[in-house]
Amino acid sequence: MRTVYVVSDSQLEEIKLKQREEELNSVEASRKKLEESYHSRIKILDEREQELQEEIKTLAPGKKKK
């Protein structure tokens, strides 16, 4: 058996508004988490790049830097 609720137009609009606000909050939180992860990964890659460049300098001191 199904349950049917009857609500006024204003209540329906309020429900829709609340749902959209919750969805927006979720999207914003996901974006923030993704950006933090992206920046963290970039930092790790930059550090590794620096390490490799230093190692290359140490291992091949006679060669010119590209």
PDB file of N, CA and C in Angstrom:
ATOM      1  N   MET A   1       0.838  -1.168   0.000  1.00  0.00           N
ATOM      2  CA  MET A   1       0.000   0.000   0.000  1.00  0.00           C
ATOM      3  C   MET A   1       0.891   1.243   0.000  1.00  0.00           C
ATOM      4  N   ARG A   2       0.525   2.238  -0.769  1.00  0.00           N
ATOM      5  CA  ARG A   2       1.274   3.491  -0.859  1.00  0.00           C
ATOM      6  C   ARG A   2       0.689   4.531   0.079  1.00  0.00           C
ATOM      7  N   THR A   3       1.572   5.365   0.570  1.00  0.00           N
ATOM      8  CA  THR A   3       1.146   6.482   1.394  1.00  0.00           C
ATOM      9  C   THR A   3       1.213   7.736   0.542  1.00  0.00           C
ATOM     10  N   VAL A   4       0.189   8.512   0.573  1.00  0.00           N
ATOM     11  CA  VAL A   4       0.128   9.745  -0.210  1.00  0.00           C
ATOM     12  C   VAL A   4      -0.001  10.914   0.756  1.00  0.00           C
ATOM     13  N   TYR A   5       0.861  11.917   0.525  1.00  0.00           N
ATOM     14  CA  TYR A   5       0.813  13.126   1.338  1.00  0.00           C
ATOM     15  C   TYR A   5       0.306  14.269   0.475  1.00  0.00           C
ATOM     16  N   VAL A   6      -0.525  15.067   1.044  1.00  0.00           N
ATOM     17  CA  VAL A   6      -1.032  16.246   0.352  1.00  0.00           C
ATOM     18  C   VAL A   6      -0.424  17.459   1.044  1.00  0.00           C
ATOM     19  N   VAL A   7       0.266  18.296   0.242  1.00  0.00           N
ATOM     20  CA  VAL A   7       0.881  19.498   0.785  1.00  0.00           C
ATOM     21  C   VAL A   7       0.496  20.683  -0.079  1.00  0.00           C
ATOM     22  N   SER A   8       0.569  21.828   0.510  1.00  0.00           N
ATOM     23  CA  SER A   8       0.239  23.041  -0.247  1.00  0.00           C
ATOM     24  C   SER A   8       1.389  23.369  -1.199  1.00  0.00           C
ATOM     25  N   ASP A   9       1.117  24.225  -2.151  1.00  0.00           N
ATOM     26  CA  ASP A   9       2.151  24.653  -3.101  1.00  0.00           C
ATOM     27  C   ASP A   9       3.314  25.310  -2.374  1.00  0.00           C
ATOM     28  N   SER A  10       3.023  26.116  -1.375  1.00  0.00           N
ATOM     29  CA  SER A  10       4.097  26.784  -0.643  1.00  0.00           C
ATOM     30  C   SER A  10       4.947  25.776   0.134  1.00  0.00           C
ATOM     31  N   GLN A  11       4.316  24.752   0.694  1.00  0.00           N
ATOM     32  CA  GLN A  11       5.074  23.719   1.391  1.00  0.00           C
ATOM     33  C   GLN A  11       5.947  22.935   0.410  1.00  0.00           C
ATOM     34  N   LEU A  12       5.397  22.654  -0.764  1.00  0.00           N
ATOM     35  CA  LEU A  12       6.161  21.945  -1.786  1.00  0.00           C
ATOM     36  C   LEU A  12       7.371  22.761  -2.212  1.00  0.00           C
ATOM     37  N   GLU A  13       7.190  24.038  -2.402  1.00  0.00           N
ATOM     38  CA  GLU A  13       8.304  24.913  -2.774  1.00  0.00           C
ATOM     39  C   GLU A  13       9.358  24.948  -1.675  1.00  0.00           C
ATOM     40  N   GLU A  14       8.907  24.957  -0.435  1.00  0.00           N
ATOM     41  CA  GLU A  14       9.834  24.959   0.696  1.00  0.00           C
ATOM     42  C   GLU A  14      10.633  23.650   0.740  1.00  0.00           C
ATOM     43  N   ILE A  15       9.970  22.545   0.492  1.00  0.00           N
ATOM     44  CA  ILE A  15      10.641  21.240   0.455  1.00  0.00           C
ATOM     45  C   ILE A  15      11.671  21.211  -0.675  1.00  0.00           C
ATOM     46  N   LYS A  16      11.281  21.691  -1.849  1.00  0.00           N
ATOM     47  CA  LYS A  16      12.207  21.732  -2.985  1.00  0.00           C
ATOM     48  C   LYS A  16      13.414  22.616  -2.680  1.00  0.00           C
ATOM     49  N   LEU A  17      13.164  23.765  -2.076  1.00  0.00           N
ATOM     50  CA  LEU A  17      14.244  24.683  -1.725  1.00  0.00           C
ATOM     51  C   LEU A  17      15.218  24.019  -0.756  1.00  0.00           C
ATOM     52  N   LYS A  18      14.692  23.345   0.243  1.00  0.00           N
ATOM     53  CA  LYS A  18      15.546  22.681   1.229  1.00  0.00           C
ATOM     54  C   LYS A  18      16.378  21.585   0.561  1.00  0.00           C
ATOM     55  N   GLN A  19      15.770  20.823  -0.338  1.00  0.00           N
ATOM     56  CA  GLN A  19      16.500  19.772  -1.048  1.00  0.00           C
ATOM     57  C   GLN A  19      17.630  20.365  -1.890  1.00  0.00           C
ATOM     58  N   ARG A  20      17.349  21.458  -2.571  1.00  0.00           N
ATOM     59  CA  ARG A  20      18.377  22.091  -3.417  1.00  0.00           C
ATOM     60  C   ARG A  20      19.515  22.648  -2.565  1.00  0.00           C
ATOM     61  N   GLU A  21      19.175  23.226  -1.417  1.00  0.00           N
ATOM     62  CA  GLU A  21      20.204  23.747  -0.510  1.00  0.00           C
ATOM     63  C   GLU A  21      21.087  22.622   0.016  1.00  0.00           C
ATOM     64  N   GLU A  22      20.483  21.485   0.357  1.00  0.00           N
ATOM     65  CA  GLU A  22      21.250  20.332   0.826  1.00  0.00           C
ATOM     66  C   GLU A  22      22.159  19.804  -0.278  1.00  0.00           C
ATOM     67  N   GLU A  23      21.636  19.753  -1.491  1.00  0.00           N
ATOM     68  CA  GLU A  23      22.439  19.295  -2.627  1.00  0.00           C
ATOM     69  C   GLU A  23      23.597  20.259  -2.889  1.00  0.00           C
ATOM     70  N   LEU A  24      23.326  21.549  -2.816  1.00  0.00           N
ATOM     71  CA  LEU A  24      24.366  22.554  -3.013  1.00  0.00           C
ATOM     72  C   LEU A  24      25.453  22.411  -1.952  1.00  0.00           C
ATOM     73  N   ASN A  25      25.064  22.222  -0.714  1.00  0.00           N
ATOM     74  CA  ASN A  25      26.044  22.020   0.360  1.00  0.00           C
ATOM     75  C   ASN A  25      26.903  20.791   0.094  1.00  0.00           C
ATOM     76  N   SER A  26      26.284  19.742  -0.391  1.00  0.00           N
ATOM     77  CA  SER A  26      27.013  18.516  -0.714  1.00  0.00           C
ATOM     78  C   SER A  26      27.997  18.748  -1.859  1.00  0.00           C
ATOM     79  N   VAL A  27      27.568  19.451  -2.879  1.00  0.00           N
ATOM     80  CA  VAL A  27      28.446  19.761  -4.018  1.00  0.00           C
ATOM     81  C   VAL A  27      29.620  20.617  -3.557  1.00  0.00           C
ATOM     82  N   GLU A  28      29.352  21.621  -2.742  1.00  0.00           N
ATOM     83  CA  GLU A  28      30.420  22.490  -2.247  1.00  0.00           C
ATOM     84  C   GLU A  28      31.417  21.709  -1.394  1.00  0.00           C
ATOM     85  N   ALA A  29      30.926  20.802  -0.558  1.00  0.00           N
ATOM     86  CA  ALA A  29      31.810  19.988   0.276  1.00  0.00           C
ATOM     87  C   ALA A  29      32.659  19.064  -0.588  1.00  0.00           C
ATOM     88  N   SER A  30      32.051  18.485  -1.600  1.00  0.00           N
ATOM     89  CA  SER A  30      32.789  17.605  -2.508  1.00  0.00           C
ATOM     90  C   SER A  30      33.866  18.380  -3.258  1.00  0.00           C
ATOM     91  N   ARG A  31      33.526  19.582  -3.716  1.00  0.00           N
ATOM     92  CA  ARG A  31      34.490  20.420  -4.424  1.00  0.00           C
ATOM     93  C   ARG A  31      35.676  20.756  -3.509  1.00  0.00           C
ATOM     94  N   LYS A  32      35.381  21.123  -2.272  1.00  0.00           N
ATOM     95  CA  LYS A  32      36.435  21.488  -1.335  1.00  0.00           C
ATOM     96  C   LYS A  32      37.362  20.298  -1.079  1.00  0.00           C
ATOM     97  N   LYS A  33      36.778  19.128  -0.873  1.00  0.00           N
ATOM     98  CA  LYS A  33      37.567  17.923  -0.629  1.00  0.00           C
ATOM     99  C   LYS A  33      38.440  17.603  -1.847  1.00  0.00           C
ATOM    100  N   LEU A  34      37.869  17.721  -3.028  1.00  0.00           N
ATOM    101  CA  LEU A  34      38.614  17.455  -4.255  1.00  0.00           C
ATOM    102  C   LEU A  34      39.763  18.435  -4.435  1.00  0.00           C
ATOM    103  N   GLU A  35      39.519  19.712  -4.180  1.00  0.00           N
ATOM    104  CA  GLU A  35      40.563  20.729  -4.311  1.00  0.00           C
ATOM    105  C   GLU A  35      41.680  20.495  -3.300  1.00  0.00           C
ATOM    106  N   GLU A  36      41.331  20.122  -2.066  1.00  0.00           N
ATOM    107  CA  GLU A  36      42.347  19.836  -1.057  1.00  0.00           C
ATOM    108  C   GLU A  36      43.201  18.648  -1.468  1.00  0.00           C
ATOM    109  N   SER A  37      42.558  17.626  -1.992  1.00  0.00           N
ATOM    110  CA  SER A  37      43.275  16.445  -2.451  1.00  0.00           C
ATOM    111  C   SER A  37      44.196  16.792  -3.618  1.00  0.00           C
ATOM    112  N   TYR A  38      43.683  17.596  -4.545  1.00  0.00           N
ATOM    113  CA  TYR A  38      44.464  18.023  -5.707  1.00  0.00           C
ATOM    114  C   TYR A  38      45.706  18.794  -5.264  1.00  0.00           C
ATOM    115  N   HIS A  39      45.533  19.753  -4.378  1.00  0.00           N
ATOM    116  CA  HIS A  39      46.668  20.570  -3.921  1.00  0.00           C
ATOM    117  C   HIS A  39      47.686  19.730  -3.148  1.00  0.00           C
ATOM    118  N   SER A  40      47.195  18.788  -2.379  1.00  0.00           N
ATOM    119  CA  SER A  40      48.079  17.904  -1.639  1.00  0.00           C
ATOM    120  C   SER A  40      48.913  17.065  -2.604  1.00  0.00           C
ATOM    121  N   ARG A  41      48.285  16.549  -3.625  1.00  0.00           N
ATOM    122  CA  ARG A  41      48.995  15.714  -4.610  1.00  0.00           C
ATOM    123  C   ARG A  41      50.010  16.546  -5.399  1.00  0.00           C
ATOM    124  N   ILE A  42      49.646  17.758  -5.759  1.00  0.00           N
ATOM    125  CA  ILE A  42      50.567  18.653  -6.473  1.00  0.00           C
ATOM    126  C   ILE A  42      51.799  18.908  -5.618  1.00  0.00           C
ATOM    127  N   LYS A  43      51.601  19.136  -4.334  1.00  0.00           N
ATOM    128  CA  LYS A  43      52.721  19.390  -3.422  1.00  0.00           C
ATOM    129  C   LYS A  43      53.659  18.191  -3.387  1.00  0.00           C
ATOM    130  N   ILE A  44      53.100  17.002  -3.284  1.00  0.00           N
ATOM    131  CA  ILE A  44      53.909  15.777  -3.258  1.00  0.00           C
ATOM    132  C   ILE A  44      54.702  15.632  -4.556  1.00  0.00           C
ATOM    133  N   LEU A  45      54.049  15.880  -5.680  1.00  0.00           N
ATOM    134  CA  LEU A  45      54.730  15.768  -6.975  1.00  0.00           C
ATOM    135  C   LEU A  45      55.828  16.815  -7.121  1.00  0.00           C
ATOM    136  N   ASP A  46      55.579  18.034  -6.658  1.00  0.00           N
ATOM    137  CA  ASP A  46      56.601  19.081  -6.715  1.00  0.00           C
ATOM    138  C   ASP A  46      57.822  18.710  -5.880  1.00  0.00           C
ATOM    139  N   GLU A  47      57.565  18.172  -4.696  1.00  0.00           N
ATOM    140  CA  GLU A  47      58.672  17.763  -3.826  1.00  0.00           C
ATOM    141  C   GLU A  47      59.485  16.655  -4.471  1.00  0.00           C
ATOM    142  N   ARG A  48      58.798  15.692  -5.064  1.00  0.00           N
ATOM    143  CA  ARG A  48      59.509  14.585  -5.717  1.00  0.00           C
ATOM    144  C   ARG A  48      60.294  15.089  -6.922  1.00  0.00           C
ATOM    145  N   GLU A  49      59.729  16.009  -7.657  1.00  0.00           N
ATOM    146  CA  GLU A  49      60.424  16.585  -8.806  1.00  0.00           C
ATOM    147  C   GLU A  49      61.724  17.265  -8.358  1.00  0.00           C
ATOM    148  N   GLN A  50      61.657  18.019  -7.282  1.00  0.00           N
ATOM    149  CA  GLN A  50      62.842  18.686  -6.741  1.00  0.00           C
ATOM    150  C   GLN A  50      63.896  17.667  -6.324  1.00  0.00           C
ATOM    151  N   GLU A  51      63.462  16.613  -5.644  1.00  0.00           N
ATOM    152  CA  GLU A  51      64.392  15.567  -5.223  1.00  0.00           C
ATOM    153  C   GLU A  51      65.090  14.946  -6.421  1.00  0.00           C
ATOM    154  N   LEU A  52      64.328  14.644  -7.449  1.00  0.00           N
ATOM    155  CA  LEU A  52      64.904  14.026  -8.644  1.00  0.00           C
ATOM    156  C   LEU A  52      65.879  14.964  -9.345  1.00  0.00           C
ATOM    157  N   GLN A  53      65.537  16.234  -9.408  1.00  0.00           N
ATOM    158  CA  GLN A  53      66.443  17.199 -10.035  1.00  0.00           C
ATOM    159  C   GLN A  53      67.761  17.283  -9.266  1.00  0.00           C
ATOM    160  N   GLU A  54      67.680  17.271  -7.945  1.00  0.00           N
ATOM    161  CA  GLU A  54      68.886  17.300  -7.128  1.00  0.00           C
ATOM    162  C   GLU A  54      69.712  16.036  -7.325  1.00  0.00           C
ATOM    163  N   GLU A  55      69.061  14.894  -7.388  1.00  0.00           N
ATOM    164  CA  GLU A  55      69.775  13.639  -7.612  1.00  0.00           C
ATOM    165  C   GLU A  55      70.460  13.629  -8.971  1.00  0.00           C
ATOM    166  N   ILE A  56      69.775  14.141  -9.973  1.00  0.00           N
ATOM    167  CA  ILE A  56      70.354  14.201 -11.321  1.00  0.00           C
ATOM    168  C   ILE A  56      71.588  15.093 -11.311  1.00  0.00           C
ATOM    169  N   LYS A  57      71.511  16.227 -10.632  1.00  0.00           N
ATOM    170  CA  LYS A  57      72.671  17.119 -10.534  1.00  0.00           C
ATOM    171  C   LYS A  57      73.844  16.420  -9.869  1.00  0.00           C
ATOM    172  N   THR A  58      73.545  15.655  -8.829  1.00  0.00           N
ATOM    173  CA  THR A  58      74.588  14.957  -8.079  1.00  0.00           C
ATOM    174  C   THR A  58      75.203  13.821  -8.909  1.00  0.00           C
ATOM    175  N   LEU A  59      74.370  13.095  -9.627  1.00  0.00           N
ATOM    176  CA  LEU A  59      74.848  11.937 -10.377  1.00  0.00           C
ATOM    177  C   LEU A  59      75.554  12.321 -11.679  1.00  0.00           C
ATOM    178  N   ALA A  60      75.203  13.445 -12.257  1.00  0.00           N
ATOM    179  CA  ALA A  60      75.783  13.852 -13.534  1.00  0.00           C
ATOM    180  C   ALA A  60      76.262  15.308 -13.453  1.00  0.00           C
ATOM    181  N   PRO A  61      77.290  15.579 -12.650  1.00  0.00           N
ATOM    182  CA  PRO A  61      77.720  16.974 -12.483  1.00  0.00           C
ATOM    183  C   PRO A  61      78.356  17.573 -13.742  1.00  0.00           C
ATOM    184  N   GLY A  62      78.856  16.729 -14.625  1.00  0.00           N
ATOM    185  CA  GLY A  62      79.510  17.235 -15.834  1.00  0.00           C
ATOM    186  C   GLY A  62      78.553  17.576 -16.957  1.00  0.00           C
ATOM    187  N   LYS A  63      77.326  17.101 -16.877  1.00  0.00           N
ATOM    188  CA  LYS A  63      76.358  17.360 -17.948  1.00  0.00           C
ATOM    189  C   LYS A  63      75.639  18.689 -17.719  1.00  0.00           C
ATOM    190  N   LYS A  64      75.218  19.292 -18.839  1.00  0.00           N
ATOM    191  CA  LYS A  64      74.468  20.547 -18.746  1.00  0.00           C
ATOM    192  C   LYS A  64      73.030  20.266 -18.329  1.00  0.00           C
ATOM    193  N   LYS A  65      72.461  21.220 -17.621  1.00  0.00           N
ATOM    194  CA  LYS A  65      71.064  21.125 -17.191  1.00  0.00           C
ATOM    195  C   LYS A  65      70.161  21.405 -18.373  1.00  0.00           C
ATOM    196  N   LYS A  66      69.124  20.597 -18.520  1.00  0.00           N
ATOM    197  CA  LYS A  66      68.188  20.783 -19.633  1.00  0.00           C
ATOM    198  C   LYS A  66      67.237  21.896 -19.362  1.00  0.00           C
TER     199      LYS A  66
END
